[in-house]
């Protein structure tokens, strides 16, 4: 397997304002049984205030991700995958640490085990699903969401974003506001 990856197309897509319409591709998920396999990282369950801080770092994100297939599973040979990736025999599941040591996304994509795994997913008609939720963002935007639902609030997403940016850039002052809450 080639150890080089051409990132020109990826960079162009990320820097472009144009996105491909994938709505027809998404239709294949309608009216089908989809089976999800997932794992989570940094699930703090609830974000709450301690005496001098929150119970989790403000830059900590809750990540839920994994693979899925449509209808009945294909004949994906998981034992072969484990063998090819040289996973420890004690590994009951595939973790990111088993296939990458990289600390950045682009570095990760160029690692041989990651490329092999992505190719294996493709060959076995498996899809990746991924969700990344910033705990502080959702705690802060709950303030906006608590506004009377019957009221029309123009630019609601921009308001949420700006409130979050204010909270992060003035974190210690924002946290002190919690003393004012009854």
N, C-alpha and C. Protein backbone atom coordinates (compact mmCIF):
# COMPACT_ATOMS: atom_id res chain seq x y z
N UNK A 1 0.84 -1.18 0.00
CA UNK A 1 0.00 0.00 0.00
C UNK A 1 0.89 1.25 0.00
N UNK A 2 0.55 2.19 -0.81
CA UNK A 2 1.32 3.42 -0.96
C UNK A 2 1.29 4.22 0.35
N UNK A 3 2.44 4.72 0.79
CA UNK A 3 2.52 5.48 2.04
C UNK A 3 2.34 6.97 1.85
N UNK A 4 2.03 7.40 0.64
CA UNK A 4 1.83 8.83 0.39
C UNK A 4 0.36 9.08 0.11
N UNK A 5 -0.08 10.25 0.51
CA UNK A 5 -1.47 10.61 0.27
C UNK A 5 -1.50 12.02 -0.31
N UNK A 6 -2.25 12.20 -1.37
CA UNK A 6 -2.35 13.50 -2.02
C UNK A 6 -3.48 14.28 -1.34
N UNK A 7 -3.12 15.34 -0.67
CA UNK A 7 -4.08 16.11 0.10
C UNK A 7 -4.57 17.34 -0.65
N UNK A 8 -4.18 17.51 -1.91
CA UNK A 8 -4.60 18.70 -2.66
C UNK A 8 -6.12 18.80 -2.76
N UNK A 9 -6.75 17.69 -3.12
CA UNK A 9 -8.21 17.71 -3.27
C UNK A 9 -8.86 17.98 -1.92
N UNK A 10 -8.36 17.35 -0.88
CA UNK A 10 -8.91 17.56 0.47
C UNK A 10 -8.79 19.02 0.88
N UNK A 11 -7.63 19.61 0.66
CA UNK A 11 -7.42 21.02 0.99
C UNK A 11 -8.35 21.93 0.19
N UNK A 12 -8.49 21.64 -1.10
CA UNK A 12 -9.38 22.44 -1.94
C UNK A 12 -10.81 22.38 -1.44
N UNK A 13 -11.27 21.20 -1.05
CA UNK A 13 -12.64 21.06 -0.54
C UNK A 13 -12.81 21.84 0.75
N UNK A 14 -11.84 21.77 1.64
CA UNK A 14 -11.95 22.43 2.94
C UNK A 14 -11.90 23.94 2.80
N UNK A 15 -11.17 24.44 1.83
CA UNK A 15 -11.02 25.88 1.66
C UNK A 15 -12.06 26.47 0.71
N UNK A 16 -12.87 25.63 0.11
CA UNK A 16 -13.86 26.07 -0.86
C UNK A 16 -15.19 26.34 -0.18
N UNK A 17 -15.96 27.25 -0.74
CA UNK A 17 -17.31 27.48 -0.27
C UNK A 17 -18.31 26.56 -0.98
N UNK A 18 -17.83 25.80 -1.93
CA UNK A 18 -18.71 24.92 -2.69
C UNK A 18 -18.62 23.51 -2.13
N UNK A 19 -19.80 22.92 -1.92
CA UNK A 19 -19.85 21.55 -1.44
C UNK A 19 -20.69 20.73 -2.40
N UNK A 20 -20.31 19.50 -2.57
CA UNK A 20 -21.02 18.60 -3.46
C UNK A 20 -22.37 18.23 -2.84
N UNK A 21 -23.39 18.19 -3.65
CA UNK A 21 -24.72 17.79 -3.21
C UNK A 21 -24.74 16.27 -3.08
N UNK A 22 -24.85 15.78 -1.86
CA UNK A 22 -24.84 14.33 -1.62
C UNK A 22 -26.22 13.81 -1.24
N UNK A 23 -27.26 14.61 -1.47
CA UNK A 23 -28.59 14.21 -1.04
C UNK A 23 -29.04 12.90 -1.69
N UNK A 24 -28.68 12.66 -2.96
CA UNK A 24 -29.06 11.39 -3.59
C UNK A 24 -28.34 10.22 -2.93
N UNK A 25 -27.11 10.42 -2.53
CA UNK A 25 -26.38 9.35 -1.83
C UNK A 25 -27.03 9.03 -0.49
N UNK A 26 -27.53 10.06 0.17
CA UNK A 26 -28.15 9.85 1.48
C UNK A 26 -29.47 9.10 1.38
N UNK A 27 -30.12 9.15 0.22
CA UNK A 27 -31.39 8.45 0.05
C UNK A 27 -31.26 6.95 0.25
N UNK A 28 -30.07 6.38 0.04
CA UNK A 28 -29.92 4.94 0.19
C UNK A 28 -30.08 4.51 1.65
N UNK A 29 -30.04 5.47 2.58
CA UNK A 29 -30.22 5.14 3.98
C UNK A 29 -31.70 5.16 4.39
N UNK A 30 -32.55 5.74 3.54
CA UNK A 30 -33.98 5.80 3.84
C UNK A 30 -34.59 4.40 3.76
N UNK A 31 -35.46 4.12 4.71
CA UNK A 31 -36.23 2.87 4.71
C UNK A 31 -35.35 1.62 4.69
N UNK A 32 -34.22 1.70 5.33
CA UNK A 32 -33.34 0.54 5.47
C UNK A 32 -32.97 0.40 6.94
N UNK A 33 -32.77 -0.84 7.34
CA UNK A 33 -32.23 -1.07 8.67
C UNK A 33 -30.74 -0.81 8.63
N UNK A 34 -30.29 0.08 9.47
CA UNK A 34 -28.86 0.37 9.58
C UNK A 34 -28.39 -0.10 10.95
N UNK A 35 -27.25 -0.74 10.98
CA UNK A 35 -26.69 -1.27 12.22
C UNK A 35 -25.43 -0.48 12.56
N UNK A 36 -25.44 0.11 13.74
CA UNK A 36 -24.34 0.97 14.18
C UNK A 36 -23.51 0.27 15.25
N UNK A 37 -22.21 0.41 15.13
CA UNK A 37 -21.27 -0.04 16.15
C UNK A 37 -20.48 1.20 16.54
N UNK A 38 -20.44 1.49 17.82
CA UNK A 38 -19.84 2.76 18.21
C UNK A 38 -19.11 2.67 19.54
N UNK A 39 -18.34 3.69 19.76
CA UNK A 39 -17.60 3.85 21.01
C UNK A 39 -17.62 5.33 21.33
N UNK A 40 -17.43 5.64 22.57
CA UNK A 40 -17.44 7.05 22.98
C UNK A 40 -16.18 7.38 23.75
N UNK A 41 -15.81 8.64 23.67
CA UNK A 41 -14.65 9.16 24.41
C UNK A 41 -15.04 10.45 25.10
N UNK A 42 -14.52 10.66 26.28
CA UNK A 42 -14.72 11.89 27.06
C UNK A 42 -16.19 12.17 27.38
N UNK A 43 -16.96 11.13 27.64
CA UNK A 43 -18.36 11.35 28.00
C UNK A 43 -18.41 11.68 29.49
N UNK A 44 -18.64 12.96 29.79
CA UNK A 44 -18.69 13.38 31.19
C UNK A 44 -20.09 13.25 31.77
N UNK A 45 -21.03 12.83 30.95
CA UNK A 45 -22.45 12.66 31.31
C UNK A 45 -23.15 13.99 31.55
N UNK A 46 -22.66 14.79 32.48
CA UNK A 46 -23.23 16.11 32.76
C UNK A 46 -22.10 17.08 33.04
N UNK A 47 -22.29 18.32 32.61
CA UNK A 47 -21.32 19.38 32.91
C UNK A 47 -21.89 20.17 34.07
N UNK A 48 -21.13 20.25 35.15
CA UNK A 48 -21.62 21.02 36.29
C UNK A 48 -20.51 21.88 36.87
N UNK A 49 -20.89 22.78 37.74
CA UNK A 49 -19.96 23.72 38.36
C UNK A 49 -19.44 23.14 39.67
N UNK A 50 -18.12 23.20 39.82
CA UNK A 50 -17.50 22.89 41.11
C UNK A 50 -17.28 24.22 41.83
N UNK A 51 -16.55 24.21 42.91
CA UNK A 51 -16.32 25.46 43.65
C UNK A 51 -15.55 26.48 42.84
N UNK A 52 -14.60 26.02 42.02
CA UNK A 52 -13.77 26.99 41.30
C UNK A 52 -13.64 26.71 39.81
N UNK A 53 -14.40 25.75 39.30
CA UNK A 53 -14.31 25.44 37.88
C UNK A 53 -15.43 24.47 37.50
N UNK A 54 -15.45 24.06 36.23
CA UNK A 54 -16.37 23.02 35.80
C UNK A 54 -15.78 21.66 36.12
N UNK A 55 -16.58 20.62 36.03
CA UNK A 55 -16.09 19.28 36.33
C UNK A 55 -15.28 18.66 35.20
N UNK A 56 -15.14 19.36 34.08
CA UNK A 56 -14.35 18.87 32.95
C UNK A 56 -13.68 20.05 32.27
N UNK A 57 -12.54 19.83 31.62
CA UNK A 57 -11.88 20.93 30.90
C UNK A 57 -12.80 21.51 29.83
N UNK A 58 -12.74 22.81 29.63
CA UNK A 58 -13.65 23.45 28.67
C UNK A 58 -13.34 23.06 27.23
N UNK A 59 -12.13 22.59 26.97
CA UNK A 59 -11.81 22.18 25.61
C UNK A 59 -11.99 20.68 25.41
N UNK A 60 -12.63 20.03 26.37
CA UNK A 60 -12.89 18.60 26.28
C UNK A 60 -14.17 18.36 25.47
N UNK A 61 -14.07 17.53 24.44
CA UNK A 61 -15.20 17.25 23.59
C UNK A 61 -15.67 15.81 23.82
N UNK A 62 -16.96 15.62 23.73
CA UNK A 62 -17.54 14.28 23.76
C UNK A 62 -17.59 13.77 22.33
N UNK A 63 -16.98 12.63 22.08
CA UNK A 63 -16.90 12.07 20.74
C UNK A 63 -17.61 10.72 20.73
N UNK A 64 -18.49 10.56 19.77
CA UNK A 64 -19.18 9.30 19.54
C UNK A 64 -18.94 8.92 18.10
N UNK A 65 -18.39 7.76 17.87
CA UNK A 65 -18.09 7.38 16.51
C UNK A 65 -17.94 5.89 16.35
N UNK A 66 -17.94 5.46 15.11
CA UNK A 66 -17.78 4.04 14.83
C UNK A 66 -18.09 3.74 13.38
N UNK A 67 -18.58 2.54 13.14
CA UNK A 67 -18.92 2.11 11.79
C UNK A 67 -20.36 1.63 11.76
N UNK A 68 -20.92 1.61 10.56
CA UNK A 68 -22.28 1.09 10.38
C UNK A 68 -22.39 0.41 9.03
N UNK A 69 -23.40 -0.45 8.93
CA UNK A 69 -23.70 -1.08 7.65
C UNK A 69 -25.21 -1.06 7.44
N UNK A 70 -25.60 -1.17 6.19
CA UNK A 70 -27.01 -1.18 5.82
C UNK A 70 -27.48 -2.63 5.74
N UNK A 71 -28.69 -2.86 6.26
CA UNK A 71 -29.31 -4.18 6.22
C UNK A 71 -28.43 -5.21 6.93
N UNK A 72 -28.29 -6.37 6.34
CA UNK A 72 -27.51 -7.45 6.96
C UNK A 72 -26.02 -7.18 6.79
N UNK A 73 -25.25 -7.56 7.80
CA UNK A 73 -23.80 -7.31 7.69
C UNK A 73 -23.19 -8.08 6.54
N UNK A 74 -22.20 -7.46 5.94
CA UNK A 74 -21.44 -8.12 4.89
C UNK A 74 -20.54 -9.16 5.55
N UNK A 75 -19.83 -9.87 4.75
CA UNK A 75 -18.92 -10.89 5.29
C UNK A 75 -17.57 -10.28 5.61
N UNK A 76 -17.57 -9.23 6.41
CA UNK A 76 -16.32 -8.57 6.79
C UNK A 76 -15.54 -9.50 7.72
N UNK A 77 -14.33 -9.78 7.34
CA UNK A 77 -13.50 -10.68 8.13
C UNK A 77 -12.72 -9.87 9.16
N UNK A 78 -13.29 -9.76 10.34
CA UNK A 78 -12.69 -8.94 11.40
C UNK A 78 -11.39 -9.58 11.90
N UNK A 79 -11.34 -10.91 11.94
CA UNK A 79 -10.12 -11.58 12.38
C UNK A 79 -8.95 -11.27 11.46
N UNK A 80 -9.23 -11.23 10.14
CA UNK A 80 -8.19 -10.87 9.18
C UNK A 80 -7.74 -9.43 9.39
N UNK A 81 -8.70 -8.55 9.65
CA UNK A 81 -8.37 -7.15 9.91
C UNK A 81 -7.45 -7.04 11.12
N UNK A 82 -7.82 -7.72 12.20
CA UNK A 82 -6.99 -7.69 13.41
C UNK A 82 -5.58 -8.21 13.13
N UNK A 83 -5.50 -9.26 12.35
CA UNK A 83 -4.20 -9.84 12.02
C UNK A 83 -3.37 -8.86 11.19
N UNK A 84 -3.99 -8.26 10.15
CA UNK A 84 -3.27 -7.33 9.29
C UNK A 84 -2.79 -6.09 10.05
N UNK A 85 -3.58 -5.66 11.04
CA UNK A 85 -3.20 -4.48 11.82
C UNK A 85 -2.29 -4.83 12.99
N UNK A 86 -2.04 -6.12 13.15
CA UNK A 86 -1.19 -6.62 14.25
C UNK A 86 -1.68 -6.10 15.61
N UNK A 87 -2.96 -6.28 15.84
CA UNK A 87 -3.54 -5.88 17.12
C UNK A 87 -3.12 -6.88 18.20
N UNK A 88 -2.97 -6.41 19.42
CA UNK A 88 -2.67 -7.34 20.51
C UNK A 88 -3.80 -8.37 20.64
N UNK A 89 -3.47 -9.59 20.99
CA UNK A 89 -4.48 -10.63 21.13
C UNK A 89 -5.51 -10.27 22.18
N UNK A 90 -5.12 -9.45 23.14
CA UNK A 90 -6.05 -9.05 24.20
C UNK A 90 -7.05 -7.98 23.75
N UNK A 91 -6.85 -7.41 22.57
CA UNK A 91 -7.72 -6.33 22.09
C UNK A 91 -9.06 -6.91 21.62
N UNK A 92 -10.13 -6.53 22.30
CA UNK A 92 -11.47 -6.96 21.92
C UNK A 92 -12.11 -6.00 20.92
N UNK A 93 -11.54 -4.81 20.82
CA UNK A 93 -12.08 -3.82 19.90
C UNK A 93 -10.93 -2.99 19.35
N UNK A 94 -11.19 -2.37 18.21
CA UNK A 94 -10.19 -1.54 17.56
C UNK A 94 -10.27 -0.13 18.13
N UNK A 95 -9.18 0.36 18.65
CA UNK A 95 -9.09 1.71 19.19
C UNK A 95 -8.14 2.52 18.32
N UNK A 96 -8.33 3.82 18.33
CA UNK A 96 -7.48 4.71 17.56
C UNK A 96 -6.00 4.48 17.88
N UNK A 97 -5.69 4.28 19.15
CA UNK A 97 -4.29 4.09 19.55
C UNK A 97 -3.66 2.86 18.90
N UNK A 98 -4.47 1.91 18.43
CA UNK A 98 -3.96 0.71 17.78
C UNK A 98 -3.49 0.96 16.35
N UNK A 99 -4.02 2.02 15.72
CA UNK A 99 -3.68 2.24 14.31
C UNK A 99 -2.96 3.56 14.05
N UNK A 100 -2.90 4.43 15.04
CA UNK A 100 -2.24 5.71 14.80
C UNK A 100 -1.59 6.25 16.08
N UNK A 101 -0.47 6.86 15.88
CA UNK A 101 0.22 7.55 16.98
C UNK A 101 0.23 9.06 16.73
N UNK A 102 -0.36 9.46 15.63
CA UNK A 102 -0.32 10.86 15.21
C UNK A 102 -1.17 11.73 16.13
N UNK A 103 -0.74 12.96 16.29
CA UNK A 103 -1.48 13.94 17.10
C UNK A 103 -2.29 14.90 16.24
N UNK A 104 -2.17 14.78 14.91
CA UNK A 104 -2.94 15.67 14.05
C UNK A 104 -3.61 14.86 12.95
N UNK A 105 -4.70 15.42 12.43
CA UNK A 105 -5.55 14.72 11.47
C UNK A 105 -4.81 14.34 10.20
N UNK A 106 -4.10 15.29 9.60
CA UNK A 106 -3.42 15.02 8.34
C UNK A 106 -2.30 14.00 8.52
N UNK A 107 -1.61 14.07 9.64
CA UNK A 107 -0.58 13.07 9.93
C UNK A 107 -1.18 11.68 10.07
N UNK A 108 -2.33 11.62 10.69
CA UNK A 108 -3.04 10.36 10.88
C UNK A 108 -3.37 9.72 9.53
N UNK A 109 -3.86 10.54 8.59
CA UNK A 109 -4.28 10.00 7.29
C UNK A 109 -3.13 9.38 6.49
N UNK A 110 -1.91 9.75 6.80
CA UNK A 110 -0.79 9.20 6.03
C UNK A 110 -0.20 7.95 6.67
N UNK A 111 -0.74 7.52 7.79
CA UNK A 111 -0.20 6.32 8.45
C UNK A 111 -0.71 5.05 7.75
N UNK A 112 0.19 4.09 7.52
CA UNK A 112 -0.18 2.88 6.78
C UNK A 112 -1.36 2.11 7.39
N UNK A 113 -1.41 1.98 8.69
CA UNK A 113 -2.51 1.23 9.31
C UNK A 113 -3.84 1.94 9.13
N UNK A 114 -3.84 3.26 9.18
CA UNK A 114 -5.07 4.02 8.99
C UNK A 114 -5.55 3.85 7.55
N UNK A 115 -4.63 3.95 6.61
CA UNK A 115 -5.01 3.79 5.21
C UNK A 115 -5.53 2.37 4.95
N UNK A 116 -4.89 1.38 5.55
CA UNK A 116 -5.36 0.00 5.39
C UNK A 116 -6.76 -0.15 5.96
N UNK A 117 -7.00 0.40 7.14
CA UNK A 117 -8.31 0.31 7.78
C UNK A 117 -9.39 0.99 6.94
N UNK A 118 -9.11 2.17 6.42
CA UNK A 118 -10.08 2.88 5.58
C UNK A 118 -10.39 2.08 4.31
N UNK A 119 -9.37 1.48 3.72
CA UNK A 119 -9.57 0.65 2.53
C UNK A 119 -10.41 -0.57 2.88
N UNK A 120 -10.16 -1.19 4.02
CA UNK A 120 -10.92 -2.36 4.47
C UNK A 120 -12.40 -1.98 4.67
N UNK A 121 -12.66 -0.81 5.27
CA UNK A 121 -14.04 -0.35 5.44
C UNK A 121 -14.72 -0.21 4.08
N UNK A 122 -14.04 0.40 3.15
CA UNK A 122 -14.59 0.62 1.81
C UNK A 122 -14.89 -0.71 1.13
N UNK A 123 -13.96 -1.63 1.18
CA UNK A 123 -14.14 -2.93 0.52
C UNK A 123 -15.28 -3.73 1.14
N UNK A 124 -15.60 -3.48 2.40
CA UNK A 124 -16.65 -4.22 3.09
C UNK A 124 -17.95 -3.45 3.22
N UNK A 125 -18.10 -2.39 2.44
CA UNK A 125 -19.32 -1.57 2.44
C UNK A 125 -19.72 -1.11 3.84
N UNK A 126 -18.74 -0.69 4.60
CA UNK A 126 -19.00 -0.14 5.93
C UNK A 126 -18.83 1.37 5.87
N UNK A 127 -19.64 2.07 6.65
CA UNK A 127 -19.61 3.53 6.68
C UNK A 127 -19.10 3.99 8.03
N UNK A 128 -18.44 5.13 8.02
CA UNK A 128 -17.97 5.74 9.27
C UNK A 128 -19.03 6.73 9.73
N UNK A 129 -19.34 6.70 11.01
CA UNK A 129 -20.19 7.75 11.59
C UNK A 129 -19.40 8.37 12.74
N UNK A 130 -19.63 9.66 12.92
CA UNK A 130 -18.80 10.41 13.86
C UNK A 130 -19.56 11.64 14.33
N UNK A 131 -19.52 11.88 15.62
CA UNK A 131 -20.12 13.08 16.18
C UNK A 131 -19.18 13.64 17.23
N UNK A 132 -18.98 14.93 17.18
CA UNK A 132 -18.07 15.60 18.12
C UNK A 132 -18.84 16.75 18.74
N UNK A 133 -19.01 16.71 20.06
CA UNK A 133 -19.81 17.73 20.75
C UNK A 133 -18.95 18.39 21.82
N UNK A 134 -18.84 19.70 21.73
CA UNK A 134 -18.11 20.45 22.74
C UNK A 134 -19.03 20.66 23.95
N UNK A 135 -18.61 20.17 25.10
CA UNK A 135 -19.45 20.20 26.30
C UNK A 135 -19.81 21.62 26.72
N UNK A 136 -18.85 22.52 26.71
CA UNK A 136 -19.13 23.89 27.13
C UNK A 136 -20.08 24.57 26.15
N UNK A 137 -19.88 24.33 24.86
CA UNK A 137 -20.76 24.96 23.88
C UNK A 137 -22.22 24.60 24.15
N UNK A 138 -22.49 23.33 24.36
CA UNK A 138 -23.88 22.94 24.56
C UNK A 138 -24.42 23.39 25.91
N UNK A 139 -23.57 23.53 26.90
CA UNK A 139 -24.03 24.08 28.18
C UNK A 139 -24.39 25.55 28.01
N UNK A 140 -23.57 26.29 27.27
CA UNK A 140 -23.81 27.72 27.08
C UNK A 140 -25.02 27.97 26.19
N UNK A 141 -25.15 27.22 25.10
CA UNK A 141 -26.27 27.49 24.20
C UNK A 141 -27.61 27.07 24.80
N UNK A 142 -27.58 26.29 25.85
CA UNK A 142 -28.84 25.99 26.56
C UNK A 142 -29.48 27.27 27.08
N UNK A 143 -28.65 28.27 27.36
CA UNK A 143 -29.17 29.57 27.81
C UNK A 143 -30.08 30.14 26.72
N UNK A 144 -29.61 30.11 25.48
CA UNK A 144 -30.39 30.62 24.36
C UNK A 144 -31.60 29.71 24.10
N UNK A 145 -31.38 28.41 24.21
CA UNK A 145 -32.48 27.46 23.96
C UNK A 145 -33.60 27.58 24.99
N UNK A 146 -33.30 28.16 26.15
CA UNK A 146 -34.33 28.29 27.18
C UNK A 146 -35.28 29.46 26.91
N UNK A 147 -34.98 30.25 25.89
CA UNK A 147 -35.88 31.35 25.50
C UNK A 147 -37.19 30.74 25.04
N UNK A 148 -38.29 31.42 25.32
CA UNK A 148 -39.62 30.95 24.95
C UNK A 148 -39.63 30.44 23.51
N UNK A 149 -39.98 29.16 23.34
CA UNK A 149 -39.95 28.54 22.02
C UNK A 149 -40.91 29.18 21.03
N UNK A 150 -41.98 29.78 21.53
CA UNK A 150 -42.94 30.37 20.61
C UNK A 150 -42.43 31.68 20.00
N UNK A 151 -41.41 32.25 20.63
CA UNK A 151 -40.85 33.50 20.12
C UNK A 151 -39.89 33.20 18.97
N UNK A 152 -39.97 34.01 17.93
CA UNK A 152 -39.05 33.87 16.81
C UNK A 152 -37.77 34.64 17.16
N UNK A 153 -36.67 33.95 17.13
CA UNK A 153 -35.39 34.59 17.43
C UNK A 153 -34.55 34.55 16.16
N UNK A 154 -34.46 35.71 15.47
CA UNK A 154 -33.65 35.72 14.25
C UNK A 154 -32.17 35.48 14.58
N UNK A 155 -31.49 34.87 13.67
CA UNK A 155 -30.05 34.63 13.80
C UNK A 155 -29.71 33.82 15.05
N UNK A 156 -30.55 32.85 15.40
CA UNK A 156 -30.36 32.08 16.63
C UNK A 156 -29.00 31.38 16.67
N UNK A 157 -28.56 30.82 15.55
CA UNK A 157 -27.29 30.10 15.54
C UNK A 157 -26.11 31.06 15.70
N UNK A 158 -26.23 32.24 15.11
CA UNK A 158 -25.17 33.24 15.27
C UNK A 158 -25.11 33.73 16.72
N UNK A 159 -26.27 33.90 17.34
CA UNK A 159 -26.31 34.33 18.75
C UNK A 159 -25.64 33.28 19.63
N UNK A 160 -25.98 32.01 19.39
CA UNK A 160 -25.36 30.92 20.17
C UNK A 160 -23.84 30.92 19.98
N UNK A 161 -23.41 31.08 18.75
CA UNK A 161 -21.99 31.07 18.46
C UNK A 161 -21.27 32.23 19.15
N UNK A 162 -21.86 33.41 19.09
CA UNK A 162 -21.23 34.59 19.70
C UNK A 162 -21.18 34.45 21.23
N UNK A 163 -22.24 33.94 21.83
CA UNK A 163 -22.24 33.73 23.27
C UNK A 163 -21.15 32.74 23.67
N UNK A 164 -21.01 31.70 22.90
CA UNK A 164 -19.95 30.72 23.18
C UNK A 164 -18.57 31.36 23.05
N UNK A 165 -18.35 32.13 21.98
CA UNK A 165 -17.05 32.77 21.80
C UNK A 165 -16.74 33.73 22.95
N UNK A 166 -17.74 34.45 23.43
CA UNK A 166 -17.55 35.34 24.58
C UNK A 166 -17.19 34.53 25.82
N UNK A 167 -17.90 33.44 26.04
CA UNK A 167 -17.65 32.60 27.21
C UNK A 167 -16.23 32.03 27.19
N UNK A 168 -15.76 31.58 26.04
CA UNK A 168 -14.42 31.00 25.94
C UNK A 168 -13.34 32.06 26.07
N UNK A 169 -13.52 33.19 25.39
CA UNK A 169 -12.47 34.22 25.42
C UNK A 169 -12.41 34.94 26.77
N UNK A 170 -13.46 34.88 27.55
CA UNK A 170 -13.50 35.49 28.88
C UNK A 170 -13.88 34.44 29.92
N UNK A 171 -13.23 33.30 29.81
CA UNK A 171 -13.63 32.12 30.56
C UNK A 171 -13.75 32.36 32.07
N UNK A 172 -12.73 32.92 32.69
CA UNK A 172 -12.75 33.09 34.15
C UNK A 172 -13.84 34.06 34.59
N UNK A 173 -14.03 35.14 33.85
CA UNK A 173 -15.11 36.07 34.18
C UNK A 173 -16.47 35.41 33.95
N UNK A 174 -16.58 34.66 32.88
CA UNK A 174 -17.84 33.97 32.59
C UNK A 174 -18.16 32.98 33.71
N UNK A 175 -17.14 32.25 34.14
CA UNK A 175 -17.36 31.27 35.22
C UNK A 175 -17.84 31.96 36.49
N UNK A 176 -17.27 33.13 36.78
CA UNK A 176 -17.65 33.85 38.00
C UNK A 176 -19.12 34.26 37.98
N UNK A 177 -19.71 34.39 36.80
CA UNK A 177 -21.13 34.70 36.70
C UNK A 177 -21.99 33.62 37.35
N UNK A 178 -21.47 32.43 37.47
CA UNK A 178 -22.24 31.34 38.08
C UNK A 178 -22.54 31.64 39.54
N UNK A 179 -21.73 32.48 40.19
CA UNK A 179 -22.00 32.89 41.58
C UNK A 179 -23.27 33.74 41.67
N UNK A 180 -23.62 34.38 40.54
CA UNK A 180 -24.81 35.24 40.52
C UNK A 180 -26.09 34.46 40.31
N UNK A 181 -25.95 33.21 39.85
CA UNK A 181 -27.13 32.40 39.54
C UNK A 181 -27.66 31.80 40.84
N UNK A 182 -28.94 31.96 41.04
CA UNK A 182 -29.57 31.44 42.26
C UNK A 182 -29.99 30.02 42.06
